[in-house]
C-alpha cells in the first residue's frame, strides 16, 4: 500500500518521462518540480526502490519499474476520470475541478 506522497512521486516521475520524452529522470528534476530538497527526494527514491517501484542508476537518474509505471498510469487515469465526471455530470467548472 502506498501513501499519498509515494503516489505523488510515481505520478510526477511518469509525467516527467512523458513530457521530456526519456525514461530516466534525475532527482534534481523531481526536487525542482516539488520544491523539495535533494535530500528529501533521495529518501523517497530509496523507499520506492525498496518497494520495487523504481530503478535507481547512480549519477543518471531513476526509472519506473513496470509495476511502478502501471500504478502511476492507473492513478493518473482515475484522476482524469474524476475530473471528467465532476465537469460533465456535476457541472463544476474545469478550473475548479482539481481543487
C-alpha atoms as a PDB file:
ATOM      1  CA  UNK A   1       0.000   0.000   0.000  1.00  0.00           C
ATOM      2  CA  UNK A   2       1.280   3.440  -0.908  1.00  0.00           C
ATOM      3  CA  UNK A   3       0.890   6.680   0.983  1.00  0.00           C
ATOM      4  CA  UNK A   4      -0.104   9.921  -0.729  1.00  0.00           C
ATOM      5  CA  UNK A   5       3.477  11.196  -1.080  1.00  0.00           C
ATOM      6  CA  UNK A   6       4.620   7.961  -2.714  1.00  0.00           C
ATOM      7  CA  UNK A   7       1.722   8.144  -5.163  1.00  0.00           C
ATOM      8  CA  UNK A   8       2.602  11.756  -5.976  1.00  0.00           C
ATOM      9  CA  UNK A   9       6.206  10.818  -6.720  1.00  0.00           C
ATOM     10  CA  UNK A  10       5.203   7.983  -9.043  1.00  0.00           C
ATOM     11  CA  UNK A  11       2.781  10.230 -10.925  1.00  0.00           C
ATOM     12  CA  UNK A  12       5.326  13.040 -11.276  1.00  0.00           C
ATOM     13  CA  UNK A  13       8.081  10.713 -12.438  1.00  0.00           C
ATOM     14  CA  UNK A  14       5.722   9.213 -15.009  1.00  0.00           C
ATOM     15  CA  UNK A  15       4.574  12.642 -16.206  1.00  0.00           C
ATOM     16  CA  UNK A  16       8.182  13.872 -16.478  1.00  0.00           C
ATOM     17  CA  UNK A  17       9.143  10.847 -18.579  1.00  0.00           C
ATOM     18  CA  UNK A  18       6.307  11.641 -20.984  1.00  0.00           C
ATOM     19  CA  UNK A  19       6.922  15.390 -21.008  1.00  0.00           C
ATOM     20  CA  UNK A  20      10.685  15.062 -21.529  1.00  0.00           C
ATOM     21  CA  UNK A  21      10.479  12.008 -23.782  1.00  0.00           C
ATOM     22  CA  UNK A  22      13.012   9.936 -21.862  1.00  0.00           C
ATOM     23  CA  UNK A  23      12.936   7.110 -19.360  1.00  0.00           C
ATOM     24  CA  UNK A  24      15.494   8.400 -16.838  1.00  0.00           C
ATOM     25  CA  UNK A  25      14.589  11.334 -14.616  1.00  0.00           C
ATOM     26  CA  UNK A  26      17.196  12.969 -12.392  1.00  0.00           C
ATOM     27  CA  UNK A  27      16.442  13.510  -8.729  1.00  0.00           C
ATOM     28  CA  UNK A  28      17.149  17.227  -9.152  1.00  0.00           C
ATOM     29  CA  UNK A  29      14.285  17.420 -11.677  1.00  0.00           C
ATOM     30  CA  UNK A  30      11.935  15.841  -9.154  1.00  0.00           C
ATOM     31  CA  UNK A  31      13.183  18.203  -6.432  1.00  0.00           C
ATOM     32  CA  UNK A  32      12.585  21.209  -8.710  1.00  0.00           C
ATOM     33  CA  UNK A  33       9.085  20.036  -9.539  1.00  0.00           C
ATOM     34  CA  UNK A  34       8.038  19.670  -5.893  1.00  0.00           C
ATOM     35  CA  UNK A  35      10.236  22.414  -4.465  1.00  0.00           C
ATOM     36  CA  UNK A  36      11.832  19.875  -2.114  1.00  0.00           C
ATOM     37  CA  UNK A  37      15.454  19.407  -1.100  1.00  0.00           C
ATOM     38  CA  UNK A  38      17.627  16.834  -2.846  1.00  0.00           C
ATOM     39  CA  UNK A  39      17.918  15.001   0.465  1.00  0.00           C
ATOM     40  CA  UNK A  40      14.167  14.519   0.913  1.00  0.00           C
ATOM     41  CA  UNK A  41      13.806  13.407  -2.713  1.00  0.00           C
ATOM     42  CA  UNK A  42      16.644  10.901  -2.291  1.00  0.00           C
ATOM     43  CA  UNK A  43      14.981   9.470   0.823  1.00  0.00           C
ATOM     44  CA  UNK A  44      11.737   8.920  -1.078  1.00  0.00           C
ATOM     45  CA  UNK A  45      13.626   7.400  -4.002  1.00  0.00           C
ATOM     46  CA  UNK A  46      15.193   4.881  -1.592  1.00  0.00           C
ATOM     47  CA  UNK A  47      11.724   3.946  -0.301  1.00  0.00           C
ATOM     48  CA  UNK A  48      10.335   3.494  -3.801  1.00  0.00           C
ATOM     49  CA  UNK A  49      13.357   1.429  -4.878  1.00  0.00           C
ATOM     50  CA  UNK A  50      12.874  -0.752  -1.790  1.00  0.00           C
ATOM     51  CA  UNK A  51       9.215  -1.245  -2.809  1.00  0.00           C
ATOM     52  CA  UNK A  52      10.439  -2.214  -6.309  1.00  0.00           C
ATOM     53  CA  UNK A  53       8.612   0.688  -7.967  1.00  0.00           C
ATOM     54  CA  UNK A  54      11.756   2.462  -9.208  1.00  0.00           C
ATOM     55  CA  UNK A  55      15.179   1.565 -10.563  1.00  0.00           C
ATOM     56  CA  UNK A  56      17.980   3.868  -9.412  1.00  0.00           C
ATOM     57  CA  UNK A  57      21.034   4.496 -11.593  1.00  0.00           C
ATOM     58  CA  UNK A  58      23.717   6.498  -9.737  1.00  0.00           C
ATOM     59  CA  UNK A  59      24.529   9.836 -11.413  1.00  0.00           C
ATOM     60  CA  UNK A  60      21.971   9.108 -14.154  1.00  0.00           C
ATOM     61  CA  UNK A  61      18.539   9.125 -12.548  1.00  0.00           C
ATOM     62  CA  UNK A  62      15.548   6.951 -11.777  1.00  0.00           C
ATOM     63  CA  UNK A  63      13.264   4.900 -13.956  1.00  0.00           C
ATOM     64  CA  UNK A  64       9.870   3.441 -13.134  1.00  0.00           C
ATOM     65  CA  UNK A  65       9.711  -0.339 -12.960  1.00  0.00           C
ATOM     66  CA  UNK A  66       6.878  -1.988 -14.872  1.00  0.00           C
ATOM     67  CA  UNK A  67       4.896  -2.193 -11.622  1.00  0.00           C
ATOM     68  CA  UNK A  68       5.625   1.467 -10.816  1.00  0.00           C
ATOM     69  CA  UNK A  69       4.641   2.571 -14.302  1.00  0.00           C
ATOM     70  CA  UNK A  70       1.384   0.614 -14.188  1.00  0.00           C
ATOM     71  CA  UNK A  71       0.491   2.081 -10.794  1.00  0.00           C
ATOM     72  CA  UNK A  72       1.247   5.616 -11.989  1.00  0.00           C
ATOM     73  CA  UNK A  73      -0.827   5.184 -15.149  1.00  0.00           C
ATOM     74  CA  UNK A  74      -3.738   3.735 -13.169  1.00  0.00           C
ATOM     75  CA  UNK A  75      -3.679   6.649 -10.693  1.00  0.00           C
ATOM     76  CA  UNK A  76      -3.498   9.254 -13.471  1.00  0.00           C
ATOM     77  CA  UNK A  77      -6.326   7.560 -15.348  1.00  0.00           C
ATOM     78  CA  UNK A  78      -8.538   7.503 -12.239  1.00  0.00           C
ATOM     79  CA  UNK A  79      -7.755  11.168 -11.544  1.00  0.00           C
ATOM     80  CA  UNK A  80      -8.767  12.141 -15.076  1.00  0.00           C
ATOM     81  CA  UNK A  81     -11.971  10.121 -14.901  1.00  0.00           C
ATOM     82  CA  UNK A  82     -12.961  12.002 -11.735  1.00  0.00           C
ATOM     83  CA  UNK A  83     -12.191  15.316 -13.430  1.00  0.00           C
ATOM     84  CA  UNK A  84     -14.436  14.408 -16.358  1.00  0.00           C
ATOM     85  CA  UNK A  85     -17.211  13.205 -14.047  1.00  0.00           C
ATOM     86  CA  UNK A  86     -17.090  16.389 -11.981  1.00  0.00           C
ATOM     87  CA  UNK A  87     -17.233  18.648 -15.035  1.00  0.00           C
ATOM     88  CA  UNK A  88     -19.745  16.739 -17.138  1.00  0.00           C
ATOM     89  CA  UNK A  89     -22.140  15.359 -14.519  1.00  0.00           C
ATOM     90  CA  UNK A  90     -21.861  17.863 -11.676  1.00  0.00           C
ATOM     91  CA  UNK A  91     -21.168  20.895 -13.877  1.00  0.00           C
ATOM     92  CA  UNK A  92     -18.167  22.021 -11.848  1.00  0.00           C
ATOM     93  CA  UNK A  93     -16.056  24.461 -13.882  1.00  0.00           C
ATOM     94  CA  UNK A  94     -12.862  22.896 -15.247  1.00  0.00           C
ATOM     95  CA  UNK A  95     -10.710  25.497 -13.460  1.00  0.00           C
ATOM     96  CA  UNK A  96     -12.171  24.413 -10.115  1.00  0.00           C
ATOM     97  CA  UNK A  97     -12.131  20.660 -10.575  1.00  0.00           C
ATOM     98  CA  UNK A  98      -8.624  19.941  -9.367  1.00  0.00           C
ATOM     99  CA  UNK A  99      -9.005  21.750  -6.066  1.00  0.00           C
END
